[in-house]
């Protein structure tokens, strides 16, 4: 259901505008940190179906938005692969893929707390990969890669997110307390949209 609400250029505009405005820059003169409102508390005030949930990620803004239909209800800081700018075209390029993805599975992970496995590569990913081969942008021998997801960080490394350290091989990483918060609310019908 989420994707049905979001298709088209209007969605791109709404997401970009929302991610820009949802997390205004902190006042540098303020030393008071505002308490974070839990996602469970936010969701307890809303009437929604689990299939209305979606994820929108802005690589440019280093933000992930938790969405209900066309509204971002909470944002989280995230980091990406070693090349956070380009779209993923092949295994080893350290890029985070862009486009629409579903969720294949989610499970606890011994290194990164939890792992939400997205369905990269999908048909769109294969099309981009093959077009890049035909145009000579990547070698003919390049493979597409896989096992891309949203996950936490090693214990004690939440500061990697604060410092915007792009350390993954193409995944989206977030603080462990944040992956713990979103994890139970995502399912196999959740759509994930990753944009530049």
C-alpha atoms as a PDB file:
ATOM      1  CA  UNK A   1       0.000   0.000   0.000  1.00  0.00           C
ATOM      2  CA  UNK A   2       2.815   2.417   0.847  1.00  0.00           C
ATOM      3  CA  UNK A   3       4.202   2.398  -2.699  1.00  0.00           C
ATOM      4  CA  UNK A   4       0.776   3.186  -4.124  1.00  0.00           C
ATOM      5  CA  UNK A   5       0.739   6.405  -2.112  1.00  0.00           C
ATOM      6  CA  UNK A   6       4.227   7.404  -3.094  1.00  0.00           C
ATOM      7  CA  UNK A   7       4.698   6.873  -6.822  1.00  0.00           C
ATOM      8  CA  UNK A   8       5.660   9.849  -8.963  1.00  0.00           C
ATOM      9  CA  UNK A   9       7.526  13.083  -8.793  1.00  0.00           C
ATOM     10  CA  UNK A  10       5.247  14.467  -6.117  1.00  0.00           C
ATOM     11  CA  UNK A  11       6.591  11.807  -3.753  1.00  0.00           C
ATOM     12  CA  UNK A  12      10.177  12.847  -4.479  1.00  0.00           C
ATOM     13  CA  UNK A  13       9.291  16.453  -3.687  1.00  0.00           C
ATOM     14  CA  UNK A  14       7.393  15.527  -0.510  1.00  0.00           C
ATOM     15  CA  UNK A  15      10.195  13.287   0.771  1.00  0.00           C
ATOM     16  CA  UNK A  16      12.925  15.793   0.004  1.00  0.00           C
ATOM     17  CA  UNK A  17      10.968  18.624   1.586  1.00  0.00           C
ATOM     18  CA  UNK A  18      10.029  16.511   4.602  1.00  0.00           C
ATOM     19  CA  UNK A  19      13.539  15.218   5.209  1.00  0.00           C
ATOM     20  CA  UNK A  20      14.870  18.759   4.877  1.00  0.00           C
ATOM     21  CA  UNK A  21      12.357  20.211   7.318  1.00  0.00           C
ATOM     22  CA  UNK A  22      11.881  17.253   9.672  1.00  0.00           C
ATOM     23  CA  UNK A  23      15.292  17.669  11.262  1.00  0.00           C
ATOM     24  CA  UNK A  24      16.243  21.339  11.345  1.00  0.00           C
ATOM     25  CA  UNK A  25      19.798  22.132  12.329  1.00  0.00           C
ATOM     26  CA  UNK A  26      20.290  22.451  16.045  1.00  0.00           C
ATOM     27  CA  UNK A  27      20.810  25.884  17.506  1.00  0.00           C
ATOM     28  CA  UNK A  28      24.586  25.999  18.110  1.00  0.00           C
ATOM     29  CA  UNK A  29      24.066  28.354  21.069  1.00  0.00           C
ATOM     30  CA  UNK A  30      21.849  25.843  22.861  1.00  0.00           C
ATOM     31  CA  UNK A  31      23.488  23.352  25.177  1.00  0.00           C
ATOM     32  CA  UNK A  32      20.200  21.665  26.067  1.00  0.00           C
ATOM     33  CA  UNK A  33      19.566  18.419  24.224  1.00  0.00           C
ATOM     34  CA  UNK A  34      15.898  17.805  23.490  1.00  0.00           C
ATOM     35  CA  UNK A  35      14.589  14.394  24.552  1.00  0.00           C
ATOM     36  CA  UNK A  36      13.874  11.976  21.743  1.00  0.00           C
ATOM     37  CA  UNK A  37      10.266  10.854  21.365  1.00  0.00           C
ATOM     38  CA  UNK A  38       9.999   7.097  20.856  1.00  0.00           C
ATOM     39  CA  UNK A  39       8.525   5.720  17.654  1.00  0.00           C
ATOM     40  CA  UNK A  40       6.123   3.597  19.721  1.00  0.00           C
ATOM     41  CA  UNK A  41       4.739   6.735  21.361  1.00  0.00           C
ATOM     42  CA  UNK A  42       4.328   8.459  17.988  1.00  0.00           C
ATOM     43  CA  UNK A  43       2.609   5.408  16.484  1.00  0.00           C
ATOM     44  CA  UNK A  44       0.270   5.066  19.477  1.00  0.00           C
ATOM     45  CA  UNK A  45      -1.320   8.373  18.441  1.00  0.00           C
ATOM     46  CA  UNK A  46      -1.970   7.278  14.838  1.00  0.00           C
ATOM     47  CA  UNK A  47      -4.612   5.157  13.154  1.00  0.00           C
ATOM     48  CA  UNK A  48      -2.817   3.119  10.484  1.00  0.00           C
ATOM     49  CA  UNK A  49      -2.487  -0.345   8.975  1.00  0.00           C
ATOM     50  CA  UNK A  50       0.951  -2.082   9.096  1.00  0.00           C
ATOM     51  CA  UNK A  51       0.992  -2.053   5.273  1.00  0.00           C
ATOM     52  CA  UNK A  52       0.849   1.777   5.377  1.00  0.00           C
ATOM     53  CA  UNK A  53       4.408   1.817   6.769  1.00  0.00           C
ATOM     54  CA  UNK A  54       7.289   2.761   4.511  1.00  0.00           C
ATOM     55  CA  UNK A  55      10.895   3.868   4.722  1.00  0.00           C
ATOM     56  CA  UNK A  56      12.390   6.781   2.773  1.00  0.00           C
ATOM     57  CA  UNK A  57      16.149   7.342   2.812  1.00  0.00           C
ATOM     58  CA  UNK A  58      17.916  10.504   1.666  1.00  0.00           C
ATOM     59  CA  UNK A  59      21.587   9.834   0.987  1.00  0.00           C
ATOM     60  CA  UNK A  60      22.227  13.563   0.577  1.00  0.00           C
ATOM     61  CA  UNK A  61      20.689  14.393   3.973  1.00  0.00           C
ATOM     62  CA  UNK A  62      22.015  11.299   5.821  1.00  0.00           C
ATOM     63  CA  UNK A  63      18.460  10.674   7.044  1.00  0.00           C
ATOM     64  CA  UNK A  64      15.996   7.825   7.090  1.00  0.00           C
ATOM     65  CA  UNK A  65      12.321   8.681   7.440  1.00  0.00           C
ATOM     66  CA  UNK A  66       9.789   6.297   8.974  1.00  0.00           C
ATOM     67  CA  UNK A  67       6.605   6.963   7.044  1.00  0.00           C
ATOM     68  CA  UNK A  68       2.901   6.296   7.438  1.00  0.00           C
ATOM     69  CA  UNK A  69       1.323   6.733   3.993  1.00  0.00           C
ATOM     70  CA  UNK A  70       2.658  10.087   2.776  1.00  0.00           C
ATOM     71  CA  UNK A  71       3.824  11.504   6.122  1.00  0.00           C
ATOM     72  CA  UNK A  72       7.203  11.157   7.755  1.00  0.00           C
ATOM     73  CA  UNK A  73       6.478  10.533  11.426  1.00  0.00           C
ATOM     74  CA  UNK A  74      10.079  10.214  12.626  1.00  0.00           C
ATOM     75  CA  UNK A  75      13.564  10.592  11.161  1.00  0.00           C
ATOM     76  CA  UNK A  76      16.831   8.912  12.050  1.00  0.00           C
ATOM     77  CA  UNK A  77      20.442   9.722  11.189  1.00  0.00           C
ATOM     78  CA  UNK A  78      22.080   7.102   8.970  1.00  0.00           C
ATOM     79  CA  UNK A  79      25.319   6.460   7.077  1.00  0.00           C
ATOM     80  CA  UNK A  80      26.114   4.537   3.916  1.00  0.00           C
ATOM     81  CA  UNK A  81      28.766   2.740   1.928  1.00  0.00           C
ATOM     82  CA  UNK A  82      32.234   4.161   1.398  1.00  0.00           C
ATOM     83  CA  UNK A  83      30.943   5.924  -1.739  1.00  0.00           C
ATOM     84  CA  UNK A  84      27.763   7.584  -0.424  1.00  0.00           C
ATOM     85  CA  UNK A  85      27.100   9.622  -3.573  1.00  0.00           C
ATOM     86  CA  UNK A  86      26.795   7.214  -6.501  1.00  0.00           C
ATOM     87  CA  UNK A  87      24.113   4.618  -7.170  1.00  0.00           C
ATOM     88  CA  UNK A  88      25.194   0.987  -6.767  1.00  0.00           C
ATOM     89  CA  UNK A  89      26.073  -0.661 -10.089  1.00  0.00           C
ATOM     90  CA  UNK A  90      28.274  -3.596  -9.100  1.00  0.00           C
ATOM     91  CA  UNK A  91      29.714  -5.593  -6.242  1.00  0.00           C
ATOM     92  CA  UNK A  92      32.617  -3.853  -4.524  1.00  0.00           C
ATOM     93  CA  UNK A  93      31.787  -0.274  -5.571  1.00  0.00           C
ATOM     94  CA  UNK A  94      30.838   0.570  -1.941  1.00  0.00           C
ATOM     95  CA  UNK A  95      27.755   2.421  -3.193  1.00  0.00           C
ATOM     96  CA  UNK A  96      24.309   2.300  -1.631  1.00  0.00           C
ATOM     97  CA  UNK A  97      21.638   1.440  -4.213  1.00  0.00           C
ATOM     98  CA  UNK A  98      18.896   3.907  -5.125  1.00  0.00           C
ATOM     99  CA  UNK A  99      15.288   3.189  -6.007  1.00  0.00           C
ATOM    100  CA  UNK A 100      12.375   1.143  -4.666  1.00  0.00           C
ATOM    101  CA  UNK A 101      13.055  -2.005  -2.674  1.00  0.00           C
ATOM    102  CA  UNK A 102      11.056  -4.494  -0.679  1.00  0.00           C
ATOM    103  CA  UNK A 103      12.158  -6.349   2.441  1.00  0.00           C
ATOM    104  CA  UNK A 104      13.311  -9.955   2.000  1.00  0.00           C
ATOM    105  CA  UNK A 105      13.891 -10.762   5.648  1.00  0.00           C
ATOM    106  CA  UNK A 106      14.855  -9.302   8.999  1.00  0.00           C
ATOM    107  CA  UNK A 107      16.808 -10.967  11.748  1.00  0.00           C
ATOM    108  CA  UNK A 108      19.170 -10.419  14.702  1.00  0.00           C
ATOM    109  CA  UNK A 109      22.790  -9.996  13.647  1.00  0.00           C
ATOM    110  CA  UNK A 110      25.768 -10.845  15.851  1.00  0.00           C
ATOM    111  CA  UNK A 111      27.959  -7.987  14.542  1.00  0.00           C
ATOM    112  CA  UNK A 112      25.412  -5.238  13.776  1.00  0.00           C
ATOM    113  CA  UNK A 113      22.604  -5.889  16.264  1.00  0.00           C
ATOM    114  CA  UNK A 114      19.820  -6.358  13.672  1.00  0.00           C
ATOM    115  CA  UNK A 115      19.660  -6.693   9.888  1.00  0.00           C
ATOM    116  CA  UNK A 116      16.785  -5.732   7.574  1.00  0.00           C
ATOM    117  CA  UNK A 117      17.616  -7.336   4.226  1.00  0.00           C
ATOM    118  CA  UNK A 118      16.264  -5.411   1.223  1.00  0.00           C
ATOM    119  CA  UNK A 119      15.669  -7.033  -2.151  1.00  0.00           C
ATOM    120  CA  UNK A 120      18.714  -5.657  -3.938  1.00  0.00           C
ATOM    121  CA  UNK A 121      19.261  -6.653  -6.668  1.00  0.00           C
ATOM    122  CA  UNK A 122      15.764  -6.320  -8.068  1.00  0.00           C
ATOM    123  CA  UNK A 123      14.661  -5.873 -11.704  1.00  0.00           C
ATOM    124  CA  UNK A 124      15.527  -2.161 -11.683  1.00  0.00           C
ATOM    125  CA  UNK A 125      18.970  -2.918 -10.202  1.00  0.00           C
ATOM    126  CA  UNK A 126      19.664  -5.514 -12.913  1.00  0.00           C
ATOM    127  CA  UNK A 127      18.615  -3.044 -15.599  1.00  0.00           C
ATOM    128  CA  UNK A 128      21.031  -0.396 -14.267  1.00  0.00           C
ATOM    129  CA  UNK A 129      23.808  -2.980 -13.903  1.00  0.00           C
ATOM    130  CA  UNK A 130      23.413  -4.281 -17.463  1.00  0.00           C
ATOM    131  CA  UNK A 131      23.141  -0.756 -18.920  1.00  0.00           C
ATOM    132  CA  UNK A 132      26.364   0.203 -17.105  1.00  0.00           C
ATOM    133  CA  UNK A 133      28.112  -2.804 -18.662  1.00  0.00           C
ATOM    134  CA  UNK A 134      26.843  -1.945 -22.156  1.00  0.00           C
ATOM    135  CA  UNK A 135      28.012   1.674 -21.806  1.00  0.00           C
ATOM    136  CA  UNK A 136      31.435   0.614 -20.496  1.00  0.00           C
ATOM    137  CA  UNK A 137      30.950   2.280 -17.095  1.00  0.00           C
ATOM    138  CA  UNK A 138      31.697  -1.017 -15.361  1.00  0.00           C
ATOM    139  CA  UNK A 139      33.697  -4.040 -16.568  1.00  0.00           C
ATOM    140  CA  UNK A 140      31.942  -6.851 -18.445  1.00  0.00           C
ATOM    141  CA  UNK A 141      33.150  -9.210 -15.713  1.00  0.00           C
ATOM    142  CA  UNK A 142      31.504  -7.157 -12.914  1.00  0.00           C
ATOM    143  CA  UNK A 143      28.952  -8.925 -10.735  1.00  0.00           C
ATOM    144  CA  UNK A 144      25.957  -7.115  -9.275  1.00  0.00           C
ATOM    145  CA  UNK A 145      26.481  -7.928  -5.595  1.00  0.00           C
ATOM    146  CA  UNK A 146      23.803  -8.429  -2.976  1.00  0.00           C
ATOM    147  CA  UNK A 147      23.035  -8.732   0.720  1.00  0.00           C
ATOM    148  CA  UNK A 148      22.278  -5.028   1.063  1.00  0.00           C
ATOM    149  CA  UNK A 149      20.244  -3.969   4.055  1.00  0.00           C
ATOM    150  CA  UNK A 150      19.610  -1.615   6.924  1.00  0.00           C
ATOM    151  CA  UNK A 151      21.488  -2.526  10.088  1.00  0.00           C
ATOM    152  CA  UNK A 152      22.997  -1.309  13.330  1.00  0.00           C
ATOM    153  CA  UNK A 153      26.637  -0.810  14.246  1.00  0.00           C
ATOM    154  CA  UNK A 154      29.102  -2.851  16.312  1.00  0.00           C
ATOM    155  CA  UNK A 155      28.601  -2.377  20.075  1.00  0.00           C
ATOM    156  CA  UNK A 156      29.836   1.016  21.275  1.00  0.00           C
ATOM    157  CA  UNK A 157      30.118   2.463  17.759  1.00  0.00           C
ATOM    158  CA  UNK A 158      26.978   4.640  17.590  1.00  0.00           C
ATOM    159  CA  UNK A 159      29.349   7.609  17.290  1.00  0.00           C
ATOM    160  CA  UNK A 160      30.115   6.425  13.723  1.00  0.00           C
ATOM    161  CA  UNK A 161      26.608   7.641  12.863  1.00  0.00           C
ATOM    162  CA  UNK A 162      27.083  10.967  14.669  1.00  0.00           C
ATOM    163  CA  UNK A 163      30.339  11.532  12.771  1.00  0.00           C
ATOM    164  CA  UNK A 164      28.789  10.486   9.405  1.00  0.00           C
ATOM    165  CA  UNK A 165      31.406   7.786   8.867  1.00  0.00           C
ATOM    166  CA  UNK A 166      30.413   5.936   5.688  1.00  0.00           C
ATOM    167  CA  UNK A 167      31.847   2.560   6.634  1.00  0.00           C
ATOM    168  CA  UNK A 168      29.573  -0.068   5.075  1.00  0.00           C
ATOM    169  CA  UNK A 169      30.014  -1.873   1.763  1.00  0.00           C
ATOM    170  CA  UNK A 170      26.723  -0.414   0.518  1.00  0.00           C
ATOM    171  CA  UNK A 171      24.281  -0.944   3.371  1.00  0.00           C
ATOM    172  CA  UNK A 172      22.488   1.704   5.395  1.00  0.00           C
ATOM    173  CA  UNK A 173      23.692   1.798   9.005  1.00  0.00           C
ATOM    174  CA  UNK A 174      21.957   3.419  11.960  1.00  0.00           C
ATOM    175  CA  UNK A 175      22.404   3.583  15.726  1.00  0.00           C
ATOM    176  CA  UNK A 176      21.527   0.368  17.536  1.00  0.00           C
ATOM    177  CA  UNK A 177      18.791   2.002  19.621  1.00  0.00           C
ATOM    178  CA  UNK A 178      17.225   3.237  16.376  1.00  0.00           C
ATOM    179  CA  UNK A 179      17.343  -0.111  14.571  1.00  0.00           C
ATOM    180  CA  UNK A 180      15.774  -1.628  17.708  1.00  0.00           C
ATOM    181  CA  UNK A 181      12.982   0.951  17.467  1.00  0.00           C
ATOM    182  CA  UNK A 182      12.047   0.496  13.786  1.00  0.00           C
ATOM    183  CA  UNK A 183      12.718  -3.258  13.508  1.00  0.00           C
ATOM    184  CA  UNK A 184       9.403  -4.550  14.945  1.00  0.00           C
ATOM    185  CA  UNK A 185       7.322  -2.261  12.710  1.00  0.00           C
ATOM    186  CA  UNK A 186       8.690  -3.438   9.355  1.00  0.00           C
ATOM    187  CA  UNK A 187       7.451  -6.489   7.463  1.00  0.00           C
ATOM    188  CA  UNK A 188       7.612  -8.176   4.060  1.00  0.00           C
ATOM    189  CA  UNK A 189       5.121  -5.608   2.673  1.00  0.00           C
ATOM    190  CA  UNK A 190       7.179  -2.599   3.738  1.00  0.00           C
ATOM    191  CA  UNK A 191       8.564  -0.577   0.838  1.00  0.00           C
ATOM    192  CA  UNK A 192      11.941   1.149   1.090  1.00  0.00           C
ATOM    193  CA  UNK A 193      12.713   4.119  -1.168  1.00  0.00           C
ATOM    194  CA  UNK A 194      16.350   5.250  -1.345  1.00  0.00           C
ATOM    195  CA  UNK A 195      17.094   8.509  -3.109  1.00  0.00           C
ATOM    196  CA  UNK A 196      20.224  10.528  -3.719  1.00  0.00           C
END
